[in-house]
mmCIF file of all heavy atoms, coordinates in Angstrom:
data_MODEL
# 
_entry.id   MODEL 
# 
loop_
_atom_site.group_PDB 
_atom_site.id 
_atom_site.type_symbol 
_atom_site.label_atom_id 
_atom_site.label_alt_id 
_atom_site.label_comp_id 
_atom_site.label_asym_id 
_atom_site.label_entity_id 
_atom_site.label_seq_id 
_atom_site.pdbx_PDB_ins_code 
_atom_site.Cartn_x 
_atom_site.Cartn_y 
_atom_site.Cartn_z 
_atom_site.occupancy 
_atom_site.B_iso_or_equiv 
_atom_site.pdbx_formal_charge 
_atom_site.auth_seq_id 
_atom_site.auth_comp_id 
_atom_site.auth_asym_id 
_atom_site.auth_atom_id 
_atom_site.pdbx_PDB_model_num 
ATOM 1   N N   . ASN A 1 1  ? 410.304 188.919 113.833 1.00 0.00 ? 1  ASN A N   1 
ATOM 2   C CA  . ASN A 1 1  ? 409.005 189.308 113.365 1.00 0.00 ? 1  ASN A CA  1 
ATOM 3   C C   . ASN A 1 1  ? 408.930 190.343 112.313 1.00 0.00 ? 1  ASN A C   1 
ATOM 4   O O   . ASN A 1 1  ? 407.815 190.836 111.961 1.00 0.00 ? 1  ASN A O   1 
ATOM 5   C CB  . ASN A 1 1  ? 408.117 189.655 114.590 1.00 0.00 ? 1  ASN A CB  1 
ATOM 6   C CG  . ASN A 1 1  ? 407.861 188.542 115.509 1.00 0.00 ? 1  ASN A CG  1 
ATOM 7   O OD1 . ASN A 1 1  ? 407.872 187.316 115.127 1.00 0.00 ? 1  ASN A OD1 1 
ATOM 8   N ND2 . ASN A 1 1  ? 407.519 188.786 116.759 1.00 0.00 ? 1  ASN A ND2 1 
ATOM 9   N N   . ILE A 1 2  ? 410.083 190.768 111.843 1.00 0.00 ? 2  ILE A N   1 
ATOM 10  C CA  . ILE A 1 2  ? 410.154 191.763 110.801 1.00 0.00 ? 2  ILE A CA  1 
ATOM 11  C C   . ILE A 1 2  ? 410.394 191.130 109.490 1.00 0.00 ? 2  ILE A C   1 
ATOM 12  O O   . ILE A 1 2  ? 411.260 190.220 109.243 1.00 0.00 ? 2  ILE A O   1 
ATOM 13  C CB  . ILE A 1 2  ? 411.222 192.847 111.069 1.00 0.00 ? 2  ILE A CB  1 
ATOM 14  C CG1 . ILE A 1 2  ? 410.968 193.563 112.312 1.00 0.00 ? 2  ILE A CG1 1 
ATOM 15  C CG2 . ILE A 1 2  ? 411.384 193.797 109.866 1.00 0.00 ? 2  ILE A CG2 1 
ATOM 16  C CD1 . ILE A 1 2  ? 409.815 194.428 112.346 1.00 0.00 ? 2  ILE A CD1 1 
ATOM 17  N N   . ILE A 1 3  ? 409.580 191.499 108.402 1.00 0.00 ? 3  ILE A N   1 
ATOM 18  C CA  . ILE A 1 3  ? 409.883 190.968 107.035 1.00 0.00 ? 3  ILE A CA  1 
ATOM 19  C C   . ILE A 1 3  ? 410.872 191.921 106.489 1.00 0.00 ? 3  ILE A C   1 
ATOM 20  O O   . ILE A 1 3  ? 410.530 193.206 106.199 1.00 0.00 ? 3  ILE A O   1 
ATOM 21  C CB  . ILE A 1 3  ? 408.561 190.901 106.257 1.00 0.00 ? 3  ILE A CB  1 
ATOM 22  C CG1 . ILE A 1 3  ? 407.539 189.928 106.972 1.00 0.00 ? 3  ILE A CG1 1 
ATOM 23  C CG2 . ILE A 1 3  ? 408.862 190.311 104.782 1.00 0.00 ? 3  ILE A CG2 1 
ATOM 24  C CD1 . ILE A 1 3  ? 406.113 189.904 106.311 1.00 0.00 ? 3  ILE A CD1 1 
ATOM 25  N N   . TYR A 1 4  ? 411.982 191.386 106.056 1.00 0.00 ? 4  TYR A N   1 
ATOM 26  C CA  . TYR A 1 4  ? 413.018 192.183 105.310 1.00 0.00 ? 4  TYR A CA  1 
ATOM 27  C C   . TYR A 1 4  ? 412.898 192.018 103.871 1.00 0.00 ? 4  TYR A C   1 
ATOM 28  O O   . TYR A 1 4  ? 412.905 190.840 103.378 1.00 0.00 ? 4  TYR A O   1 
ATOM 29  C CB  . TYR A 1 4  ? 414.402 191.851 105.779 1.00 0.00 ? 4  TYR A CB  1 
ATOM 30  C CG  . TYR A 1 4  ? 414.632 192.162 107.213 1.00 0.00 ? 4  TYR A CG  1 
ATOM 31  C CD1 . TYR A 1 4  ? 414.347 191.383 108.365 1.00 0.00 ? 4  TYR A CD1 1 
ATOM 32  C CD2 . TYR A 1 4  ? 415.398 193.373 107.585 1.00 0.00 ? 4  TYR A CD2 1 
ATOM 33  C CE1 . TYR A 1 4  ? 414.514 191.671 109.613 1.00 0.00 ? 4  TYR A CE1 1 
ATOM 34  C CE2 . TYR A 1 4  ? 415.785 193.694 108.943 1.00 0.00 ? 4  TYR A CE2 1 
ATOM 35  C CZ  . TYR A 1 4  ? 415.328 192.802 109.941 1.00 0.00 ? 4  TYR A CZ  1 
ATOM 36  O OH  . TYR A 1 4  ? 415.539 193.194 111.168 1.00 0.00 ? 4  TYR A OH  1 
ATOM 37  N N   . MET A 1 5  ? 412.921 193.153 103.128 1.00 0.00 ? 5  MET A N   1 
ATOM 38  C CA  . MET A 1 5  ? 412.817 193.052 101.691 1.00 0.00 ? 5  MET A CA  1 
ATOM 39  C C   . MET A 1 5  ? 414.034 193.624 101.032 1.00 0.00 ? 5  MET A C   1 
ATOM 40  O O   . MET A 1 5  ? 414.179 194.801 100.936 1.00 0.00 ? 5  MET A O   1 
ATOM 41  C CB  . MET A 1 5  ? 411.466 193.851 101.156 1.00 0.00 ? 5  MET A CB  1 
ATOM 42  C CG  . MET A 1 5  ? 410.283 193.433 101.768 1.00 0.00 ? 5  MET A CG  1 
ATOM 43  S SD  . MET A 1 5  ? 408.724 194.286 101.211 1.00 0.00 ? 5  MET A SD  1 
ATOM 44  C CE  . MET A 1 5  ? 409.049 195.932 101.968 1.00 0.00 ? 5  MET A CE  1 
ATOM 45  N N   . PRO A 1 6  ? 415.049 192.746 100.659 1.00 0.00 ? 6  PRO A N   1 
ATOM 46  C CA  . PRO A 1 6  ? 416.277 193.257 100.265 1.00 0.00 ? 6  PRO A CA  1 
ATOM 47  C C   . PRO A 1 6  ? 416.195 193.985 99.016  1.00 0.00 ? 6  PRO A C   1 
ATOM 48  O O   . PRO A 1 6  ? 415.539 193.637 98.104  1.00 0.00 ? 6  PRO A O   1 
ATOM 49  C CB  . PRO A 1 6  ? 417.154 191.899 100.078 1.00 0.00 ? 6  PRO A CB  1 
ATOM 50  C CG  . PRO A 1 6  ? 416.389 190.842 100.930 1.00 0.00 ? 6  PRO A CG  1 
ATOM 51  C CD  . PRO A 1 6  ? 414.936 191.292 100.976 1.00 0.00 ? 6  PRO A CD  1 
ATOM 52  N N   . CYS A 1 7  ? 416.922 195.089 99.018  1.00 0.00 ? 7  CYS A N   1 
ATOM 53  C CA  . CYS A 1 7  ? 417.020 196.018 97.792  1.00 0.00 ? 7  CYS A CA  1 
ATOM 54  C C   . CYS A 1 7  ? 418.487 195.932 97.426  1.00 0.00 ? 7  CYS A C   1 
ATOM 55  O O   . CYS A 1 7  ? 419.315 196.699 97.952  1.00 0.00 ? 7  CYS A O   1 
ATOM 56  C CB  . CYS A 1 7  ? 416.546 197.370 98.056  1.00 0.00 ? 7  CYS A CB  1 
ATOM 57  S SG  . CYS A 1 7  ? 414.833 197.516 98.526  1.00 0.00 ? 7  CYS A SG  1 
ATOM 58  N N   . THR A 1 8  ? 418.884 195.221 96.386  1.00 0.00 ? 8  THR A N   1 
ATOM 59  C CA  . THR A 1 8  ? 420.259 195.072 96.010  1.00 0.00 ? 8  THR A CA  1 
ATOM 60  C C   . THR A 1 8  ? 420.416 195.341 94.575  1.00 0.00 ? 8  THR A C   1 
ATOM 61  O O   . THR A 1 8  ? 419.537 195.566 93.765  1.00 0.00 ? 8  THR A O   1 
ATOM 62  C CB  . THR A 1 8  ? 420.625 193.583 96.250  1.00 0.00 ? 8  THR A CB  1 
ATOM 63  O OG1 . THR A 1 8  ? 419.845 192.753 95.364  1.00 0.00 ? 8  THR A OG1 1 
ATOM 64  C CG2 . THR A 1 8  ? 420.321 193.100 97.704  1.00 0.00 ? 8  THR A CG2 1 
ATOM 65  N N   . ALA A 1 9  ? 421.691 195.409 94.083  1.00 0.00 ? 9  ALA A N   1 
ATOM 66  C CA  . ALA A 1 9  ? 421.971 195.664 92.745  1.00 0.00 ? 9  ALA A CA  1 
ATOM 67  C C   . ALA A 1 9  ? 421.336 194.621 91.787  1.00 0.00 ? 9  ALA A C   1 
ATOM 68  O O   . ALA A 1 9  ? 420.969 194.936 90.667  1.00 0.00 ? 9  ALA A O   1 
ATOM 69  C CB  . ALA A 1 9  ? 423.537 195.705 92.559  1.00 0.00 ? 9  ALA A CB  1 
ATOM 70  N N   . GLU A 1 10 ? 421.377 193.364 92.316  1.00 0.00 ? 10 GLU A N   1 
ATOM 71  C CA  . GLU A 1 10 ? 420.821 192.293 91.530  1.00 0.00 ? 10 GLU A CA  1 
ATOM 72  C C   . GLU A 1 10 ? 419.300 192.435 91.223  1.00 0.00 ? 10 GLU A C   1 
ATOM 73  O O   . GLU A 1 10 ? 418.850 192.057 90.082  1.00 0.00 ? 10 GLU A O   1 
ATOM 74  C CB  . GLU A 1 10 ? 421.078 190.940 92.276  1.00 0.00 ? 10 GLU A CB  1 
ATOM 75  C CG  . GLU A 1 10 ? 422.408 190.438 92.390  1.00 0.00 ? 10 GLU A CG  1 
ATOM 76  C CD  . GLU A 1 10 ? 423.326 191.339 93.310  1.00 0.00 ? 10 GLU A CD  1 
ATOM 77  O OE1 . GLU A 1 10 ? 422.746 191.974 94.234  1.00 0.00 ? 10 GLU A OE1 1 
ATOM 78  O OE2 . GLU A 1 10 ? 424.498 191.442 93.006  1.00 0.00 ? 10 GLU A OE2 1 
ATOM 79  N N   . ASN A 1 11 ? 418.491 193.114 92.089  1.00 0.00 ? 11 ASN A N   1 
ATOM 80  C CA  . ASN A 1 11 ? 417.114 193.293 91.719  1.00 0.00 ? 11 ASN A CA  1 
ATOM 81  C C   . ASN A 1 11 ? 416.856 194.743 91.446  1.00 0.00 ? 11 ASN A C   1 
ATOM 82  O O   . ASN A 1 11 ? 415.766 195.234 91.446  1.00 0.00 ? 11 ASN A O   1 
ATOM 83  C CB  . ASN A 1 11 ? 416.138 192.817 92.828  1.00 0.00 ? 11 ASN A CB  1 
ATOM 84  C CG  . ASN A 1 11 ? 416.434 193.528 94.219  1.00 0.00 ? 11 ASN A CG  1 
ATOM 85  O OD1 . ASN A 1 11 ? 417.014 194.596 94.311  1.00 0.00 ? 11 ASN A OD1 1 
ATOM 86  N ND2 . ASN A 1 11 ? 415.934 192.935 95.324  1.00 0.00 ? 11 ASN A ND2 1 
ATOM 87  N N   . GLY A 1 12 ? 417.898 195.539 91.065  1.00 0.00 ? 12 GLY A N   1 
ATOM 88  C CA  . GLY A 1 12 ? 417.690 196.922 90.703  1.00 0.00 ? 12 GLY A CA  1 
ATOM 89  C C   . GLY A 1 12 ? 417.219 197.698 91.866  1.00 0.00 ? 12 GLY A C   1 
ATOM 90  O O   . GLY A 1 12 ? 416.715 198.834 91.663  1.00 0.00 ? 12 GLY A O   1 
ATOM 91  N N   . PHE A 1 13 ? 417.586 197.294 93.109  1.00 0.00 ? 13 PHE A N   1 
ATOM 92  C CA  . PHE A 1 13 ? 417.292 198.021 94.389  1.00 0.00 ? 13 PHE A CA  1 
ATOM 93  C C   . PHE A 1 13 ? 415.762 198.223 94.406  1.00 0.00 ? 13 PHE A C   1 
ATOM 94  O O   . PHE A 1 13 ? 415.306 199.155 95.057  1.00 0.00 ? 13 PHE A O   1 
ATOM 95  C CB  . PHE A 1 13 ? 417.995 199.366 94.335  1.00 0.00 ? 13 PHE A CB  1 
ATOM 96  C CG  . PHE A 1 13 ? 419.511 199.232 94.370  1.00 0.00 ? 13 PHE A CG  1 
ATOM 97  C CD1 . PHE A 1 13 ? 420.153 199.521 93.238  1.00 0.00 ? 13 PHE A CD1 1 
ATOM 98  C CD2 . PHE A 1 13 ? 420.173 198.810 95.499  1.00 0.00 ? 13 PHE A CD2 1 
ATOM 99  C CE1 . PHE A 1 13 ? 421.582 199.423 93.221  1.00 0.00 ? 13 PHE A CE1 1 
ATOM 100 C CE2 . PHE A 1 13 ? 421.523 198.614 95.414  1.00 0.00 ? 13 PHE A CE2 1 
ATOM 101 C CZ  . PHE A 1 13 ? 422.247 199.034 94.409  1.00 0.00 ? 13 PHE A CZ  1 
ATOM 102 N N   . MET A 1 14 ? 414.955 197.338 93.946  1.00 0.00 ? 14 MET A N   1 
ATOM 103 C CA  . MET A 1 14 ? 413.570 197.442 93.943  1.00 0.00 ? 14 MET A CA  1 
ATOM 104 C C   . MET A 1 14 ? 412.955 196.195 94.824  1.00 0.00 ? 14 MET A C   1 
ATOM 105 O O   . MET A 1 14 ? 413.292 195.048 94.433  1.00 0.00 ? 14 MET A O   1 
ATOM 106 C CB  . MET A 1 14 ? 412.976 197.417 92.599  1.00 0.00 ? 14 MET A CB  1 
ATOM 107 C CG  . MET A 1 14 ? 411.476 197.731 92.490  1.00 0.00 ? 14 MET A CG  1 
ATOM 108 S SD  . MET A 1 14 ? 411.080 199.412 93.118  1.00 0.00 ? 14 MET A SD  1 
ATOM 109 C CE  . MET A 1 14 ? 412.209 200.459 92.150  1.00 0.00 ? 14 MET A CE  1 
ATOM 110 N N   . PRO A 1 15 ? 412.371 196.467 95.912  1.00 0.00 ? 15 PRO A N   1 
ATOM 111 C CA  . PRO A 1 15 ? 411.881 195.357 96.771  1.00 0.00 ? 15 PRO A CA  1 
ATOM 112 C C   . PRO A 1 15 ? 410.828 194.474 95.983  1.00 0.00 ? 15 PRO A C   1 
ATOM 113 O O   . PRO A 1 15 ? 410.127 194.836 95.234  1.00 0.00 ? 15 PRO A O   1 
ATOM 114 C CB  . PRO A 1 15 ? 411.159 196.135 97.967  1.00 0.00 ? 15 PRO A CB  1 
ATOM 115 C CG  . PRO A 1 15 ? 410.750 197.423 97.338  1.00 0.00 ? 15 PRO A CG  1 
ATOM 116 C CD  . PRO A 1 15 ? 411.860 197.844 96.371  1.00 0.00 ? 15 PRO A CD  1 
ATOM 117 N N   . GLU A 1 16 ? 411.036 193.201 96.359  1.00 0.00 ? 16 GLU A N   1 
ATOM 118 C CA  . GLU A 1 16 ? 410.043 192.244 95.779  1.00 0.00 ? 16 GLU A CA  1 
ATOM 119 C C   . GLU A 1 16 ? 408.953 191.935 96.813  1.00 0.00 ? 16 GLU A C   1 
ATOM 120 O O   . GLU A 1 16 ? 409.225 192.111 97.994  1.00 0.00 ? 16 GLU A O   1 
ATOM 121 C CB  . GLU A 1 16 ? 410.819 190.905 95.454  1.00 0.00 ? 16 GLU A CB  1 
ATOM 122 C CG  . GLU A 1 16 ? 411.916 191.194 94.338  1.00 0.00 ? 16 GLU A CG  1 
ATOM 123 C CD  . GLU A 1 16 ? 412.809 189.890 94.245  1.00 0.00 ? 16 GLU A CD  1 
ATOM 124 O OE1 . GLU A 1 16 ? 412.481 188.903 94.966  1.00 0.00 ? 16 GLU A OE1 1 
ATOM 125 O OE2 . GLU A 1 16 ? 413.754 189.960 93.445  1.00 0.00 ? 16 GLU A OE2 1 
ATOM 126 N N   . LEU A 1 17 ? 407.858 191.498 96.293  1.00 0.00 ? 17 LEU A N   1 
ATOM 127 C CA  . LEU A 1 17 ? 406.601 191.265 97.237  1.00 0.00 ? 17 LEU A CA  1 
ATOM 128 C C   . LEU A 1 17 ? 407.064 190.268 98.251  1.00 0.00 ? 17 LEU A C   1 
ATOM 129 O O   . LEU A 1 17 ? 407.747 189.269 97.952  1.00 0.00 ? 17 LEU A O   1 
ATOM 130 C CB  . LEU A 1 17 ? 405.501 190.702 96.302  1.00 0.00 ? 17 LEU A CB  1 
ATOM 131 C CG  . LEU A 1 17 ? 404.830 191.750 95.364  1.00 0.00 ? 17 LEU A CG  1 
ATOM 132 C CD1 . LEU A 1 17 ? 403.734 191.021 94.552  1.00 0.00 ? 17 LEU A CD1 1 
ATOM 133 C CD2 . LEU A 1 17 ? 404.246 192.930 96.085  1.00 0.00 ? 17 LEU A CD2 1 
ATOM 134 N N   . PRO A 1 18 ? 406.613 190.343 99.440  1.00 0.00 ? 18 PRO A N   1 
ATOM 135 C CA  . PRO A 1 18 ? 406.878 189.406 100.526 1.00 0.00 ? 18 PRO A CA  1 
ATOM 136 C C   . PRO A 1 18 ? 406.337 188.047 100.216 1.00 0.00 ? 18 PRO A C   1 
ATOM 137 O O   . PRO A 1 18 ? 405.191 187.906 99.593  1.00 0.00 ? 18 PRO A O   1 
ATOM 138 C CB  . PRO A 1 18 ? 406.262 190.052 101.671 1.00 0.00 ? 18 PRO A CB  1 
ATOM 139 C CG  . PRO A 1 18 ? 406.057 191.489 101.390 1.00 0.00 ? 18 PRO A CG  1 
ATOM 140 C CD  . PRO A 1 18 ? 405.748 191.471 99.954  1.00 0.00 ? 18 PRO A CD  1 
ATOM 141 N N   . LYS A 1 19 ? 407.006 187.034 100.642 1.00 0.00 ? 19 LYS A N   1 
ATOM 142 C CA  . LYS A 1 19 ? 406.586 185.633 100.409 1.00 0.00 ? 19 LYS A CA  1 
ATOM 143 C C   . LYS A 1 19 ? 405.570 185.233 101.417 1.00 0.00 ? 19 LYS A C   1 
ATOM 144 O O   . LYS A 1 19 ? 404.712 184.306 101.336 1.00 0.00 ? 19 LYS A O   1 
ATOM 145 C CB  . LYS A 1 19 ? 407.669 184.620 100.440 1.00 0.00 ? 19 LYS A CB  1 
ATOM 146 C CG  . LYS A 1 19 ? 408.599 184.794 99.232  1.00 0.00 ? 19 LYS A CG  1 
ATOM 147 C CD  . LYS A 1 19 ? 409.754 183.731 99.286  1.00 0.00 ? 19 LYS A CD  1 
ATOM 148 C CE  . LYS A 1 19 ? 410.568 183.831 97.999  1.00 0.00 ? 19 LYS A CE  1 
ATOM 149 N NZ  . LYS A 1 19 ? 411.208 185.127 97.758  1.00 0.00 ? 19 LYS A NZ  1 
ATOM 150 N N   . GLU A 1 20 ? 405.555 185.959 102.629 1.00 0.00 ? 20 GLU A N   1 
ATOM 151 C CA  . GLU A 1 20 ? 404.497 185.794 103.624 1.00 0.00 ? 20 GLU A CA  1 
ATOM 152 C C   . GLU A 1 20 ? 403.680 187.085 103.770 1.00 0.00 ? 20 GLU A C   1 
ATOM 153 O O   . GLU A 1 20 ? 404.165 188.124 103.307 1.00 0.00 ? 20 GLU A O   1 
ATOM 154 C CB  . GLU A 1 20 ? 405.216 185.515 104.958 1.00 0.00 ? 20 GLU A CB  1 
ATOM 155 C CG  . GLU A 1 20 ? 406.162 186.515 105.479 1.00 0.00 ? 20 GLU A CG  1 
ATOM 156 C CD  . GLU A 1 20 ? 406.734 186.235 106.772 1.00 0.00 ? 20 GLU A CD  1 
ATOM 157 O OE1 . GLU A 1 20 ? 405.896 185.900 107.725 1.00 0.00 ? 20 GLU A OE1 1 
ATOM 158 O OE2 . GLU A 1 20 ? 407.935 186.307 106.911 1.00 0.00 ? 20 GLU A OE2 1 
ATOM 159 N N   . LYS A 1 21 ? 402.481 186.983 104.308 1.00 0.00 ? 21 LYS A N   1 
ATOM 160 C CA  . LYS A 1 21 ? 401.618 188.131 104.341 1.00 0.00 ? 21 LYS A CA  1 
ATOM 161 C C   . LYS A 1 21 ? 402.106 189.211 105.249 1.00 0.00 ? 21 LYS A C   1 
ATOM 162 O O   . LYS A 1 21 ? 402.510 189.054 106.380 1.00 0.00 ? 21 LYS A O   1 
ATOM 163 C CB  . LYS A 1 21 ? 400.179 187.701 104.805 1.00 0.00 ? 21 LYS A CB  1 
ATOM 164 C CG  . LYS A 1 21 ? 399.196 188.864 104.800 1.00 0.00 ? 21 LYS A CG  1 
ATOM 165 C CD  . LYS A 1 21 ? 397.926 188.378 105.398 1.00 0.00 ? 21 LYS A CD  1 
ATOM 166 C CE  . LYS A 1 21 ? 396.902 189.569 105.426 1.00 0.00 ? 21 LYS A CE  1 
ATOM 167 N NZ  . LYS A 1 21 ? 397.197 190.679 106.252 1.00 0.00 ? 21 LYS A NZ  1 
ATOM 168 N N   . ALA A 1 22 ? 402.181 190.419 104.741 1.00 0.00 ? 22 ALA A N   1 
ATOM 169 C CA  . ALA A 1 22 ? 402.599 191.558 105.426 1.00 0.00 ? 22 ALA A CA  1 
ATOM 170 C C   . ALA A 1 22 ? 401.373 192.416 105.806 1.00 0.00 ? 22 ALA A C   1 
ATOM 171 O O   . ALA A 1 22 ? 400.601 192.751 104.888 1.00 0.00 ? 22 ALA A O   1 
ATOM 172 C CB  . ALA A 1 22 ? 403.653 192.371 104.639 1.00 0.00 ? 22 ALA A CB  1 
ATOM 173 N N   . ASP A 1 23 ? 401.253 192.864 107.049 1.00 0.00 ? 23 ASP A N   1 
ATOM 174 C CA  . ASP A 1 23 ? 400.005 193.683 107.414 1.00 0.00 ? 23 ASP A CA  1 
ATOM 175 C C   . ASP A 1 23 ? 400.455 195.116 107.074 1.00 0.00 ? 23 ASP A C   1 
ATOM 176 O O   . ASP A 1 23 ? 399.532 195.852 106.707 1.00 0.00 ? 23 ASP A O   1 
ATOM 177 C CB  . ASP A 1 23 ? 399.703 193.488 108.888 1.00 0.00 ? 23 ASP A CB  1 
ATOM 178 C CG  . ASP A 1 23 ? 399.412 192.091 109.202 1.00 0.00 ? 23 ASP A CG  1 
ATOM 179 O OD1 . ASP A 1 23 ? 398.515 191.497 108.560 1.00 0.00 ? 23 ASP A OD1 1 
ATOM 180 O OD2 . ASP A 1 23 ? 400.024 191.481 110.059 1.00 0.00 ? 23 ASP A OD2 1 
ATOM 181 N N   . VAL A 1 24 ? 401.608 195.603 107.413 1.00 0.00 ? 24 VAL A N   1 
ATOM 182 C CA  . VAL A 1 24 ? 401.968 196.980 107.260 1.00 0.00 ? 24 VAL A CA  1 
ATOM 183 C C   . VAL A 1 24 ? 403.325 196.967 106.415 1.00 0.00 ? 24 VAL A C   1 
ATOM 184 O O   . VAL A 1 24 ? 404.238 196.354 106.770 1.00 0.00 ? 24 VAL A O   1 
ATOM 185 C CB  . VAL A 1 24 ? 402.210 197.706 108.617 1.00 0.00 ? 24 VAL A CB  1 
ATOM 186 C CG1 . VAL A 1 24 ? 402.680 199.188 108.374 1.00 0.00 ? 24 VAL A CG1 1 
ATOM 187 C CG2 . VAL A 1 24 ? 400.958 197.675 109.391 1.00 0.00 ? 24 VAL A CG2 1 
ATOM 188 N N   . ILE A 1 25 ? 403.281 197.711 105.312 1.00 0.00 ? 25 ILE A N   1 
ATOM 189 C CA  . ILE A 1 25 ? 404.501 197.758 104.488 1.00 0.00 ? 25 ILE A CA  1 
ATOM 190 C C   . ILE A 1 25 ? 405.042 199.176 104.373 1.00 0.00 ? 25 ILE A C   1 
ATOM 191 O O   . ILE A 1 25 ? 404.200 200.097 103.927 1.00 0.00 ? 25 ILE A O   1 
ATOM 192 C CB  . ILE A 1 25 ? 404.004 197.238 103.023 1.00 0.00 ? 25 ILE A CB  1 
ATOM 193 C CG1 . ILE A 1 25 ? 403.436 195.842 103.183 1.00 0.00 ? 25 ILE A CG1 1 
ATOM 194 C CG2 . ILE A 1 25 ? 405.274 197.263 102.039 1.00 0.00 ? 25 ILE A CG2 1 
ATOM 195 C CD1 . ILE A 1 25 ? 402.670 195.425 101.933 1.00 0.00 ? 25 ILE A CD1 1 
ATOM 196 N N   . TYR A 1 26 ? 406.272 199.396 104.565 1.00 0.00 ? 26 TYR A N   1 
ATOM 197 C CA  . TYR A 1 26 ? 406.891 200.733 104.487 1.00 0.00 ? 26 TYR A CA  1 
ATOM 198 C C   . TYR A 1 26 ? 407.558 200.791 103.126 1.00 0.00 ? 26 TYR A C   1 
ATOM 199 O O   . TYR A 1 26 ? 408.369 199.958 102.754 1.00 0.00 ? 26 TYR A O   1 
ATOM 200 C CB  . TYR A 1 26 ? 407.932 200.911 105.551 1.00 0.00 ? 26 TYR A CB  1 
ATOM 201 C CG  . TYR A 1 26 ? 407.410 201.167 106.903 1.00 0.00 ? 26 TYR A CG  1 
ATOM 202 C CD1 . TYR A 1 26 ? 406.947 200.050 107.763 1.00 0.00 ? 26 TYR A CD1 1 
ATOM 203 C CD2 . TYR A 1 26 ? 407.449 202.385 107.490 1.00 0.00 ? 26 TYR A CD2 1 
ATOM 204 C CE1 . TYR A 1 26 ? 406.459 200.229 108.976 1.00 0.00 ? 26 TYR A CE1 1 
ATOM 205 C CE2 . TYR A 1 26 ? 406.924 202.635 108.824 1.00 0.00 ? 26 TYR A CE2 1 
ATOM 206 C CZ  . TYR A 1 26 ? 406.440 201.595 109.543 1.00 0.00 ? 26 TYR A CZ  1 
ATOM 207 O OH  . TYR A 1 26 ? 405.993 201.819 110.846 1.00 0.00 ? 26 TYR A OH  1 
ATOM 208 N N   . LEU A 1 27 ? 407.152 201.821 102.338 1.00 0.00 ? 27 LEU A N   1 
ATOM 209 C CA  . LEU A 1 27 ? 407.825 202.046 101.089 1.00 0.00 ? 27 LEU A CA  1 
ATOM 210 C C   . LEU A 1 27 ? 408.187 203.495 101.046 1.00 0.00 ? 27 LEU A C   1 
ATOM 211 O O   . LEU A 1 27 ? 407.533 204.438 101.540 1.00 0.00 ? 27 LEU A O   1 
ATOM 212 C CB  . LEU A 1 27 ? 406.811 201.877 99.906  1.00 0.00 ? 27 LEU A CB  1 
ATOM 213 C CG  . LEU A 1 27 ? 406.354 200.415 99.635  1.00 0.00 ? 27 LEU A CG  1 
ATOM 214 C CD1 . LEU A 1 27 ? 405.310 200.206 98.455  1.00 0.00 ? 27 LEU A CD1 1 
ATOM 215 C CD2 . LEU A 1 27 ? 407.571 199.355 99.474  1.00 0.00 ? 27 LEU A CD2 1 
ATOM 216 N N   . CYS A 1 28 ? 409.456 203.799 100.499 1.00 0.00 ? 28 CYS A N   1 
ATOM 217 C CA  . CYS A 1 28 ? 409.936 205.162 100.389 1.00 0.00 ? 28 CYS A CA  1 
ATOM 218 C C   . CYS A 1 28 ? 410.439 205.289 98.995  1.00 0.00 ? 28 CYS A C   1 
ATOM 219 O O   . CYS A 1 28 ? 411.315 204.683 98.538  1.00 0.00 ? 28 CYS A O   1 
ATOM 220 C CB  . CYS A 1 28 ? 410.999 205.402 101.398 1.00 0.00 ? 28 CYS A CB  1 
ATOM 221 S SG  . CYS A 1 28 ? 411.834 207.009 101.291 1.00 0.00 ? 28 CYS A SG  1 
ATOM 222 N N   . PHE A 1 29 ? 409.788 206.209 98.145  1.00 0.00 ? 29 PHE A N   1 
ATOM 223 C CA  . PHE A 1 29 ? 410.386 206.568 96.809  1.00 0.00 ? 29 PHE A CA  1 
ATOM 224 C C   . PHE A 1 29 ? 410.275 208.077 96.514  1.00 0.00 ? 29 PHE A C   1 
ATOM 225 O O   . PHE A 1 29 ? 409.140 208.565 96.823  1.00 0.00 ? 29 PHE A O   1 
ATOM 226 C CB  . PHE A 1 29 ? 409.618 205.738 95.806  1.00 0.00 ? 29 PHE A CB  1 
ATOM 227 C CG  . PHE A 1 29 ? 409.785 204.290 95.816  1.00 0.00 ? 29 PHE A CG  1 
ATOM 228 C CD1 . PHE A 1 29 ? 408.811 203.400 96.293  1.00 0.00 ? 29 PHE A CD1 1 
ATOM 229 C CD2 . PHE A 1 29 ? 411.060 203.805 95.477  1.00 0.00 ? 29 PHE A CD2 1 
ATOM 230 C CE1 . PHE A 1 29 ? 409.081 202.032 96.311  1.00 0.00 ? 29 PHE A CE1 1 
ATOM 231 C CE2 . PHE A 1 29 ? 411.342 202.427 95.442  1.00 0.00 ? 29 PHE A CE2 1 
ATOM 232 C CZ  . PHE A 1 29 ? 410.370 201.622 95.984  1.00 0.00 ? 29 PHE A CZ  1 
# 
């Protein structure tokens, strides 16, 4: 039930928008 947003070298370690609706989104910058 957790939406994982991979942060990898390929995407510049920047999460992409979830493909399914997320109610609560954790961001740390």
